[in-house]
Protein backbone atom coordinates (compact mmCIF):
# COMPACT_ATOMS: atom_id res chain seq x y z
CA MET A 1 -0.19 0.09 0.16
CA ASN A 2 1.19 3.54 -1.20
CA LYS A 3 2.07 5.99 1.41
CA PRO A 4 -0.18 9.04 2.20
CA ALA A 5 1.21 11.87 1.17
CA LEU A 6 2.35 14.60 3.55
CA PRO A 7 0.24 17.86 4.10
CA ASP A 8 1.00 20.70 2.28
CA LEU A 9 3.14 22.04 5.26
CA PRO A 10 5.14 25.58 4.88
CA ALA A 11 9.02 25.09 3.84
CA LYS A 12 9.91 27.74 6.48
CA GLY A 13 8.61 28.64 9.83
CA VAL A 14 8.15 32.31 10.64
CA ALA A 15 11.04 33.29 11.84
CA THR A 16 13.54 31.19 9.38
CA ASP A 17 14.62 34.00 7.02
CA ILE A 18 16.00 35.45 9.78
CA LEU A 19 17.80 32.27 11.13
CA GLN A 20 19.23 31.40 7.87
CA ALA A 21 20.63 34.75 7.42
CA MET A 22 22.62 34.29 11.14
CA PHE A 23 23.33 31.02 10.40
CA PRO A 24 23.86 29.63 6.71
CA PRO A 25 22.50 25.65 6.72
CA ARG A 26 25.83 23.91 6.58
CA ALA A 27 26.26 21.46 3.01
CA VAL A 28 24.12 17.99 3.66
CA THR A 29 27.01 15.27 3.63
CA PRO A 30 25.84 11.96 1.57
CA THR A 31 24.99 8.47 2.98
CA ARG A 32 27.62 6.00 0.74
CA ILE A 33 25.33 2.97 -0.39
CA VAL A 34 27.67 0.46 -2.46
CA VAL A 35 25.23 -1.92 -4.99
CA ILE A 36 27.74 -4.61 -5.28
CA GLY A 37 26.37 -7.64 -7.68
CA CYS A 38 27.09 -11.45 -7.69
CA GLY A 39 27.02 -14.67 -10.31
CA THR A 40 28.75 -17.36 -11.76
CA ALA A 41 29.91 -17.46 -15.49
CA CYS A 42 30.40 -20.79 -16.10
CA HIS A 43 27.01 -21.73 -14.74
CA PHE A 44 24.51 -18.89 -15.98
CA PRO A 45 24.35 -16.75 -18.69
CA TRP A 46 27.11 -14.03 -17.88
CA ASP A 47 25.83 -11.26 -20.34
CA HIS A 48 22.15 -11.73 -18.92
CA ALA A 49 23.63 -10.61 -15.20
CA CYS A 50 25.40 -8.16 -16.44
CA LYS A 51 22.57 -6.98 -17.83
CA ILE A 52 20.17 -7.08 -14.92
CA TYR A 53 22.73 -6.06 -12.26
CA GLY A 54 22.71 -2.95 -14.67
CA GLU A 55 18.99 -2.92 -14.60
CA ALA A 56 19.10 -3.14 -10.69
CA CYS A 57 21.89 0.09 -10.29
CA GLY A 58 19.33 2.36 -12.38
CA GLU A 59 16.29 1.71 -10.59
CA ILE A 60 17.95 2.30 -7.01
CA LYS A 61 19.93 5.52 -8.79
CA LYS A 62 16.22 6.47 -10.15
CA LEU A 63 14.40 5.80 -6.68
CA THR A 64 17.13 7.96 -4.69
CA ALA A 65 17.02 10.90 -7.59
CA SER A 66 13.27 11.02 -7.30
CA ALA A 67 12.49 10.73 -3.93
CA GLY A 68 15.02 13.60 -3.42
CA LEU A 69 17.33 11.11 -0.63
CA PRO A 70 21.39 12.68 -0.09
CA VAL A 71 21.92 9.57 -0.72
CA GLU A 72 25.49 8.83 -3.30
CA ILE A 73 25.18 5.45 -4.63
CA VAL A 74 28.06 3.71 -5.48
CA THR A 75 28.04 0.71 -8.45
CA CYS A 76 30.27 -1.38 -9.57
CA ALA A 77 31.40 -2.79 -12.87
CA ALA A 78 29.90 -5.69 -13.15
CA PRO A 79 28.95 -9.02 -10.91
CA PHE A 80 31.66 -10.53 -8.49
CA GLN A 81 32.61 -13.75 -9.11
CA ASP A 82 35.81 -13.76 -7.60
CA PRO A 83 35.62 -13.14 -3.45
CA VAL A 84 39.12 -11.99 -3.03
CA ALA A 85 38.29 -9.38 -5.70
CA LEU A 86 35.10 -8.43 -3.98
CA VAL A 87 36.51 -7.66 -1.02
CA ARG A 88 39.67 -6.25 -2.13
CA GLU A 89 36.87 -3.50 -3.67
CA LEU A 90 34.95 -3.22 -0.42
CA ASP A 91 37.96 -2.06 1.14
CA THR A 92 39.15 0.55 -1.36
CA LEU A 93 35.35 1.63 -1.01
CA LEU A 94 35.93 1.57 2.20
CA ALA A 95 38.80 4.18 2.93
CA THR A 96 36.04 7.10 1.70
CA ARG A 97 33.28 5.49 3.46
CA ILE A 98 30.64 2.90 3.44
CA ASP A 99 27.33 3.12 4.87
CA GLY A 100 25.78 0.08 3.89
CA ILE A 101 25.26 -2.36 1.03
CA ILE A 102 23.26 -3.70 -1.05
CA LEU A 103 23.95 -7.03 -2.68
CA PHE A 104 22.13 -8.19 -5.79
CA HIS A 105 21.54 -11.57 -6.76
CA ALA A 106 22.36 -11.38 -10.49
CA ALA A 107 23.02 -15.16 -10.65
CA TYR A 108 24.10 -17.84 -8.62
CA THR A 109 27.16 -18.01 -7.63
CA CYS A 110 30.16 -19.41 -5.21
CA GLY A 111 29.65 -19.98 -1.80
CA GLU A 112 32.82 -18.22 -1.09
CA ILE A 113 31.82 -14.89 -2.17
CA GLY A 114 28.32 -15.11 0.78
CA SER A 115 31.35 -16.26 3.64
CA HIS A 116 33.83 -13.64 2.14
CA LEU A 117 31.25 -10.61 2.88
CA GLY A 118 30.25 -12.31 5.62
CA ARG A 119 33.38 -11.74 7.41
CA TRP A 120 34.17 -8.88 5.80
CA LEU A 121 31.01 -7.07 7.37
CA LEU A 122 31.99 -8.64 11.41
CA ASP A 123 34.80 -6.53 10.36
CA HIS A 124 32.97 -3.47 9.37
CA PRO A 125 29.26 -4.15 10.51
CA MET A 126 26.75 -2.11 8.26
CA PRO A 127 23.22 -2.25 7.26
CA LEU A 128 22.84 -4.56 4.26
CA LEU A 129 20.15 -5.55 1.82
CA SER A 130 19.58 -8.79 -0.27
CA TRP A 131 17.62 -8.65 -3.39
CA SER A 132 16.82 -11.40 -5.37
CA TRP A 133 14.39 -11.04 -8.00
CA PRO A 134 12.20 -13.89 -10.54
CA ASP A 135 13.97 -16.08 -12.49
CA PRO A 136 11.62 -16.27 -16.13
CA ILE A 137 9.24 -18.72 -16.19
CA THR A 138 10.47 -20.62 -19.43
CA GLY A 139 9.93 -23.99 -19.60
CA ASP A 140 13.78 -24.57 -20.49
CA ALA A 141 16.95 -23.85 -18.94
CA ILE A 142 16.95 -21.54 -15.82
CA VAL A 143 18.62 -17.68 -16.17
CA ALA A 144 20.04 -17.27 -12.94
CA ASN A 145 18.66 -18.80 -10.42
CA SER A 146 18.46 -15.69 -7.80
CA LEU A 147 16.24 -16.75 -5.39
CA CYS A 148 18.09 -19.81 -4.26
CA CYS A 149 21.65 -17.81 -4.58
CA GLN A 150 19.58 -15.27 -1.87
CA ASN A 151 18.93 -18.69 0.29
CA PHE A 152 22.61 -19.78 -0.17
CA LEU A 153 24.20 -16.68 0.94
CA LEU A 154 22.01 -15.97 3.64
CA GLY A 155 22.44 -18.74 4.83
CA MET A 156 25.55 -18.32 6.24
CA MET A 157 25.11 -14.47 7.22
CA GLY A 158 22.66 -16.41 9.76
CA ARG A 159 24.96 -18.53 10.88
CA LEU A 160 28.04 -15.71 11.06
CA GLY A 161 25.33 -13.41 12.94
CA ILE A 162 25.06 -10.53 10.38
CA ARG A 163 21.89 -8.48 10.74
CA TYR A 164 20.36 -8.10 7.42
CA VAL A 165 16.64 -7.13 5.19
CA TRP A 166 16.07 -9.32 2.13
CA MET A 167 13.69 -8.68 -0.50
CA HIS A 168 12.94 -10.66 -3.23
CA GLU A 169 10.93 -8.72 -6.27
CA ALA A 170 11.61 -8.16 -9.93
CA VAL A 171 13.86 -5.20 -11.08
CA GLY A 172 11.50 -2.41 -11.41
CA PRO A 173 9.39 -0.17 -9.48
CA GLY A 174 7.53 -2.60 -7.38
CA ALA A 175 11.60 -3.04 -5.79
CA HIS A 176 11.21 1.01 -4.75
CA PRO A 177 9.19 1.14 -2.05
CA PHE A 178 11.35 -1.20 0.43
CA ILE A 179 14.91 0.16 -1.14
CA GLU A 180 13.86 3.00 -0.33
CA ARG A 181 12.81 2.05 3.01
CA PHE A 182 17.00 0.68 3.41
CA LEU A 183 18.20 3.66 2.27
CA ARG A 184 16.43 6.04 4.74
CA SER A 185 17.72 3.32 7.73
CA ALA A 186 21.26 3.10 6.64
CA ARG A 187 21.82 6.87 6.40
CA ALA A 188 19.36 7.43 10.10
CA LYS A 189 22.06 4.80 11.63
CA SER A 190 24.95 6.56 9.76
CA ARG A 191 24.07 9.93 10.97
CA PHE A 192 23.51 8.37 14.70
CA LYS A 193 26.83 6.66 14.47
CA HIS A 194 28.83 9.38 16.40
CA GLY A 195 26.18 12.01 16.26
CA LYS A 196 26.68 14.48 18.53
CA LEU A 197 24.04 16.04 20.89
CA LEU A 198 23.65 18.55 23.21
CA HIS A 199 22.08 18.53 26.64
CA VAL A 200 21.69 22.63 27.94
CA GLY A 201 20.98 22.87 31.06
CA GLY A 202 22.92 19.77 32.18
CA THR A 203 20.68 17.82 34.30
CA ARG A 204 17.14 16.06 33.96
CA VAL A 205 13.79 18.05 35.68
CA GLU A 206 13.27 17.69 38.68
CA ALA A 207 11.88 13.35 39.22
CA PHE A 208 11.43 13.68 35.57
CA TYR A 209 13.42 9.69 35.57
CA ASP A 210 11.71 8.67 32.22
CA GLY A 211 13.58 11.65 30.35
CA GLU A 212 16.78 10.74 31.49
CA ALA A 213 19.58 8.22 29.40
CA ASP A 214 21.72 5.66 30.26
CA GLU A 215 24.28 7.69 28.02
CA LEU A 216 26.75 4.59 27.62
CA SER A 217 24.08 2.05 26.67
CA VAL A 218 23.06 4.84 24.43
CA MET A 219 26.60 5.10 22.73
CA ARG A 220 27.21 1.45 22.54
CA ARG A 221 23.99 0.63 20.80
CA PHE A 222 23.39 4.38 18.55
CA GLY A 223 26.77 6.07 18.57
CA LEU A 224 25.20 8.79 20.07
CA ARG A 225 26.85 10.80 22.65
CA PHE A 226 25.53 13.75 24.37
CA ASP A 227 27.51 16.78 25.51
CA ARG A 228 26.51 19.38 28.72
CA ILE A 229 26.57 22.84 29.43
CA ASP A 230 24.93 24.98 31.86
CA LEU A 231 22.42 26.51 31.20
CA GLN A 232 24.28 30.44 32.30
CA THR A 233 26.57 29.58 30.04
CA ALA A 234 24.04 28.86 26.96
CA LEU A 235 23.18 32.80 28.34
CA ASP A 236 26.70 33.98 28.58
CA ARG A 237 27.07 32.63 24.83
CA SER A 238 23.76 34.33 23.74
CA ARG A 239 25.51 37.89 24.57
CA LYS A 240 27.22 38.09 21.07
CA PHE A 241 24.05 38.69 20.07
CA THR A 242 23.11 42.45 19.37
CA ASP A 243 19.56 43.70 20.74
CA ALA A 244 18.81 44.48 17.06
CA GLN A 245 19.55 40.81 15.76
CA ILE A 246 17.05 40.11 19.20
CA LYS A 247 14.35 42.79 17.81
CA ALA A 248 14.25 41.62 14.51
CA LEU A 249 13.43 38.27 15.38
CA ARG A 250 11.01 39.40 18.13
CA GLU A 251 9.32 41.16 15.40
CA ALA A 252 9.42 38.04 12.81
CA ILE A 253 7.28 35.91 15.43
CA LEU A 254 5.08 38.59 17.27
CA LYS A 255 4.57 40.90 14.52
CA ASN A 256 3.03 38.20 11.65
CA PRO A 257 -0.23 38.75 10.52
CA LEU A 258 -0.63 35.05 12.29
CA CYS A 259 0.14 35.99 15.62
CA THR A 260 -3.38 37.27 16.73
CA LYS A 261 -2.42 37.58 20.35
CA ILE A 262 0.79 38.43 22.92
CA ASP A 263 -0.10 38.03 26.77
CA LEU A 264 3.42 38.59 28.06
CA PRO A 265 6.15 41.42 28.33
CA ASP A 266 9.27 41.59 25.62
CA SER A 267 11.93 40.95 28.08
CA GLN A 268 10.53 37.64 28.62
CA THR A 269 10.24 37.16 24.64
CA ASP A 270 14.00 38.58 23.87
CA GLN A 271 15.42 36.25 26.82
CA THR A 272 13.93 32.79 25.38
CA LEU A 273 15.31 33.92 21.79
CA ARG A 274 18.80 34.56 22.92
CA PHE A 275 18.43 30.94 24.20
CA GLY A 276 17.63 29.92 21.30
CA LEU A 277 20.63 31.90 19.21
CA ALA A 278 23.19 30.39 21.56
CA ILE A 279 21.73 26.49 21.15
CA LEU A 280 22.16 27.27 17.33
CA ASP A 281 25.38 28.77 17.80
CA TYR A 282 26.91 25.34 19.69
CA ALA A 283 25.09 23.76 17.24
CA GLN A 284 26.83 24.73 14.32
CA GLU A 285 30.56 25.58 16.13
CA ARG A 286 30.37 22.09 17.13
CA ASP A 287 28.93 19.95 14.79
CA TYR A 288 25.41 19.20 16.91
CA ILE A 289 22.84 17.22 15.08
CA GLY A 290 20.01 17.70 17.78
CA CYS A 291 19.89 19.61 21.36
CA THR A 292 17.31 19.08 24.63
CA VAL A 293 17.02 22.07 26.95
CA LYS A 294 16.62 21.55 30.73
CA SER A 295 13.53 24.13 30.17
CA TRP A 296 12.25 23.95 33.98
CA PRO A 297 12.06 24.64 36.82
CA ASP A 298 15.46 26.86 36.52
CA LEU A 299 14.65 28.89 33.50
CA TRP A 300 10.92 30.15 35.06
CA PHE A 301 12.64 31.54 37.99
CA SER A 302 16.74 32.12 37.32
CA TYR A 303 16.01 33.47 34.05
CA GLN A 304 12.66 34.51 33.77
CA CYS A 305 11.86 33.57 30.89
CA SER A 306 10.54 29.60 29.23
CA ILE A 307 12.41 27.98 26.17
CA ASP A 308 9.48 27.24 24.45
CA GLY A 309 9.30 28.99 22.10
CA ALA A 310 13.09 28.96 21.38
CA VAL A 311 12.19 25.34 20.49
CA SER A 312 9.56 25.88 18.21
CA MET A 313 11.85 28.51 16.23
CA LEU A 314 14.92 25.92 16.35
CA ASN A 315 13.08 23.12 14.99
CA ASP A 316 11.57 25.13 12.04
CA TYR A 317 14.81 26.09 11.42
CA GLY A 318 15.98 22.30 10.97
CA PHE A 319 18.11 21.84 13.96
CA CYS A 320 16.07 19.17 16.25
CA THR A 321 15.24 20.53 19.65
CA ALA A 322 13.45 18.62 22.71
CA GLU A 323 12.46 20.64 25.48
CA GLU A 324 12.15 19.84 29.04
CA GLY A 325 16.06 18.14 29.19
CA GLU A 326 14.67 15.20 27.48
CA MET A 327 17.25 12.86 26.29
CA ASN A 328 15.00 9.69 25.03
CA GLY A 329 12.41 12.49 24.20
CA LEU A 330 15.23 14.00 21.17
CA ILE A 331 16.58 10.62 20.60
CA SER A 332 12.88 9.76 19.02
CA SER A 333 12.70 13.01 17.73
CA LEU A 334 15.46 12.54 15.88
CA ALA A 335 14.85 9.36 14.56
CA LEU A 336 11.40 10.45 12.96
CA TRP A 337 14.02 13.22 12.14
CA GLU A 338 16.68 11.32 10.09
CA LEU A 339 14.35 8.99 8.46
CA SER A 340 12.10 11.34 7.13
CA ASN A 341 15.15 13.87 5.81
CA GLY A 342 13.47 16.23 8.39
CA SER A 343 10.31 16.19 5.81
CA ALA A 344 8.12 14.67 9.30
CA ILE A 345 9.10 17.98 11.23
CA THR A 346 9.03 16.75 15.03
CA SER A 347 7.60 18.08 17.59
CA MET A 348 7.29 16.41 21.21
CA MET A 349 3.74 15.92 23.18
CA ASP A 350 2.16 14.83 26.23
CA LEU A 351 -0.94 12.13 25.16
CA SER A 352 -3.81 14.29 27.66
CA ALA A 353 -6.51 12.95 26.50
CA ALA A 354 -8.25 9.40 25.10
CA ASN A 355 -11.60 8.93 24.16
CA ALA A 356 -12.40 5.24 23.10
CA SER A 357 -16.02 5.87 21.33
CA ARG A 358 -14.97 8.81 19.15
CA ASN A 359 -11.16 7.24 18.03
CA ARG A 360 -9.27 9.75 19.30
CA ILE A 361 -5.87 10.79 20.82
CA GLY A 362 -5.40 14.87 21.87
CA LEU A 363 -1.23 15.50 21.77
CA TRP A 364 -0.57 18.32 23.71
CA HIS A 365 2.07 20.15 25.08
CA CYS A 366 3.15 24.13 26.41
CA GLY A 367 3.74 25.99 22.99
CA ALA A 368 7.32 24.76 21.17
CA SER A 369 5.52 23.07 18.50
CA PRO A 370 7.10 24.69 15.25
CA THR A 371 4.83 26.79 13.85
CA ARG A 372 5.23 25.42 10.47
CA MET A 373 2.89 22.98 12.32
CA LEU A 374 0.13 25.92 12.65
CA ARG A 375 -3.41 24.73 10.54
CA LYS A 376 -4.26 26.53 7.81
CA GLY A 377 -6.93 29.29 8.28
CA ARG A 378 -5.59 28.99 11.80
CA THR A 379 -3.91 31.53 14.05
CA TYR A 380 -1.88 31.31 16.96
CA GLU A 381 -1.38 33.37 20.06
CA ALA A 382 2.13 34.25 21.83
CA ARG A 383 1.65 33.83 25.84
CA LYS A 384 2.60 32.68 29.15
CA HIS A 385 3.06 29.40 29.95
CA VAL A 386 -0.46 28.19 30.78
CA CYS A 387 0.79 25.96 34.00
CA LEU A 388 2.76 28.33 35.64
CA GLU A 389 -0.72 30.91 34.83
CA ASN A 390 -2.30 28.33 36.66
CA GLY A 391 -0.68 28.43 39.27
CA ASP A 392 -0.05 32.73 39.59
CA PRO A 393 -0.47 34.72 37.06
CA LYS A 394 2.12 37.55 37.95
CA THR A 395 4.66 35.82 38.07
CA ALA A 396 4.30 33.18 35.02
CA VAL A 397 6.66 33.61 32.12
CA GLY A 398 7.08 32.30 28.45
CA LEU A 399 7.36 32.89 25.60
CA MET A 400 4.87 30.10 24.51
CA LEU A 401 3.52 29.62 21.07
CA GLU A 402 -0.27 28.49 21.09
CA PHE A 403 -2.08 27.33 17.49
CA LEU A 404 -3.97 24.05 16.42
CA LEU A 405 -1.63 21.05 14.94
CA GLU A 406 -2.03 21.31 10.97
CA LEU A 407 -4.33 18.04 9.88
CA GLY A 408 -2.83 14.68 7.98
CA PRO A 409 -1.70 11.44 9.18
CA VAL A 410 1.48 11.37 11.60
CA THR A 411 3.92 9.03 13.29
CA VAL A 412 3.76 8.85 16.72
CA THR A 413 6.89 6.90 18.64
CA ARG A 414 9.14 6.81 21.88
CA TYR A 415 12.43 4.89 22.81
CA GLN A 416 11.86 4.03 26.06
CA SER A 417 14.08 4.90 29.11
CA PRO A 418 16.38 4.35 30.40
CA ASP A 419 18.63 3.09 27.26
CA ALA A 420 16.73 4.06 24.36
CA ALA A 421 16.57 -0.04 24.06
CA ARG A 422 12.74 -0.31 23.72
CA CYS A 423 10.59 0.98 21.38
CA PHE A 424 6.82 1.95 20.77
CA THR A 425 5.01 3.40 17.47
CA PHE A 426 1.97 4.20 16.38
CA GLU A 427 0.51 5.66 12.82
CA GLY A 428 -2.55 7.66 12.70
CA ASP A 429 -4.25 10.98 11.20
CA LEU A 430 -4.45 14.26 12.99
CA ARG A 431 -8.33 14.69 12.35
CA ASP A 432 -10.42 17.63 12.43
CA CYS A 433 -10.87 19.47 16.02
CA GLU A 434 -10.86 22.26 18.17
CA LEU A 435 -8.70 23.47 21.07
CA ALA A 436 -9.77 21.48 24.05
CA PHE A 437 -6.42 22.65 25.84
CA ARG A 438 -4.52 26.06 25.77
CA GLY A 439 -0.64 25.37 23.98
CA ASN A 440 -0.54 22.71 20.65
CA TYR A 441 -3.32 20.93 20.59
CA GLY A 442 -4.04 18.29 17.95
CA GLU A 443 -6.43 14.54 17.93
CA VAL A 444 -5.04 11.69 16.68
CA GLU A 445 -7.13 8.73 15.35
CA PRO A 446 -4.99 5.54 15.33
CA VAL A 447 -4.80 3.88 11.16
CA ALA A 448 -7.03 1.23 10.89
CA GLY A 449 -7.08 -1.85 12.55
CA THR A 450 -5.77 0.43 15.73
CA THR A 451 -7.91 1.94 18.06
CA ALA A 452 -7.55 4.86 20.37
CA ALA A 453 -8.07 2.37 23.49
CA ASP A 454 -5.55 0.03 22.32
CA VAL A 455 -2.81 2.71 22.01
CA MET A 456 -3.78 3.65 25.33
CA GLY A 457 -3.62 0.76 26.84
CA SER A 458 -0.32 -0.74 25.37
CA ILE A 459 1.23 2.59 26.58
CA LEU A 460 -0.65 2.01 30.60
CA ALA A 461 0.00 -1.75 30.38
CA HIS A 462 3.65 -1.81 29.72
CA GLY A 463 4.20 1.74 31.21
CA MET A 464 5.96 3.82 29.09
CA ASP A 465 7.61 6.71 28.87
CA HIS A 466 5.05 10.18 29.22
CA HIS A 467 6.77 11.58 26.27
CA TRP A 468 6.11 11.11 22.97
CA SER A 469 7.43 12.37 19.34
CA PHE A 470 5.34 12.76 17.08
CA GLY A 471 5.71 14.03 13.05
CA TYR A 472 4.07 14.57 9.69
CA GLY A 473 3.61 11.09 7.33
CA HIS A 474 3.38 7.52 7.92
CA TRP A 475 7.58 6.29 9.23
CA ALA A 476 6.34 3.33 11.35
CA LYS A 477 8.05 0.41 8.72
CA GLU A 478 11.28 3.07 8.52
CA ILE A 479 11.55 3.24 12.27
CA SER A 480 11.33 -0.90 12.33
CA MET A 481 13.92 -1.39 10.11
CA LEU A 482 16.12 1.40 11.82
CA ASN A 483 15.03 -0.82 15.15
CA HIS A 484 16.50 -3.87 13.57
CA TRP A 485 19.72 -2.30 12.80
CA LEU A 486 19.62 -0.93 16.29
CA ASP A 487 18.37 -4.42 17.60
CA VAL A 488 15.85 -2.09 19.33
CA ARG A 489 13.24 -4.46 20.46
CA GLU A 490 9.47 -2.87 20.07
CA LEU A 491 7.22 -3.50 22.40
CA PRO A 492 3.97 -5.38 21.53
CA LEU A 493 0.48 -3.82 21.53
CA VAL A 494 -2.24 -4.43 24.12
CA ARG A 495 -5.16 -4.87 22.28
CA SER A 496 -7.79 -3.07 25.01
CA PRO A 497 -11.49 -3.01 24.51
CA GLN A 498 -12.21 0.09 27.21
CA LEU A 499 -9.79 2.12 28.92
CA GLN A 500 -9.19 0.13 31.71
CA GLY A 501 -6.23 -2.86 32.11
CA PHE A 502 -3.78 -4.53 33.47
CA SER A 503 0.13 -4.11 34.29
CA GLN A 504 2.49 -6.41 32.13
């Protein structure tokens, strides 16, 4: 089944032009995928093996271009018969980086191709896609025996403990969805490997145990590492930016025609934006791919602002950011971001409402969603933190950007604390609704076959974490393939006819 189309979201947020002028986006380093073929000339028509290998390479390149993926496809002159030559070629290509391999079974081959490739992958683990194709039914001599070749070689990979995905599909458009999924998951894995994340605030929010990650376990599984700075260090960095630069950002947000209410002093807006600029400055200087910020209580009481407006601005710009010091939340958002090449956008939410009869789950958070998610025909408000106003309106601070979320297909996911070794994901559609609570809000209806009661029953029965990252588009299959490479266990759905149940 084809993926549902992404909603027509704006390419930029309300302040993106100013940020891009201050911080020109960096050039993207493409992921490198090598396509190798195999065959045996003495038993199967070699001209045909070379021809179909070339056609397969052409389809992969065509798909990569049409999907707009930052992926370089590296091909070879012909399928390999000699395992030593295969390993020599891979060693040469490895010197300039390989992020994944597609093994195309052009024709049946000698077993040493499988054993040598498997041994090489033990030294250089990376995503592997095995692709066989259906032999033409001729009633005469078999042309390639491609499926049997795949069976033969993957038996070796299994015994060697090599992780792989496989596909038996004709060379043509029918193979594109699975190949695209492989390219996206291989790119995300390569981005995670040695990727650096910034934690501003240094510690978790009080008692938010599920927001803290076991950093060494995350490093071992994902390759990601966290660098930490305190809030004062970030604020000190922000002093390099002039009042005029801050004012330009403030006016881009507050004087936009879509902003129909302002209910906080400029000083709080400016302080919030200063933190955002400092974060982006650090990100560009030190090549961070994502950030989380300990937003409370420190920012509220010691710095008289709330980070949410800056988080919105940074995600609009294209720098994946989570609030509340959420390390697992950042990993979850980043998975969606990288798998979608940024097209999902992302925002971290609470699941704050559930209605089994209407089959809806309410996604809500205080006001940190990127403005690119603003529902068409609606406006946003710049305000103080609603939960602080619940306590004492006189001491409440902002900047929060409150609005209804755009409609369309979404994926909601969470890599679970403490080590992100477990994951739960569901797909749905954001349906028409009104703002149930001040902040950012939308109501998701799970896709057919899964109900709101099933989703909430699973989350509550398994005792999962309380923050959830969502992005536009359906990406559950891509997340599953990424999880396969990372050895992340996917938590099973617990069927729940109503909103009540037992622990698992």
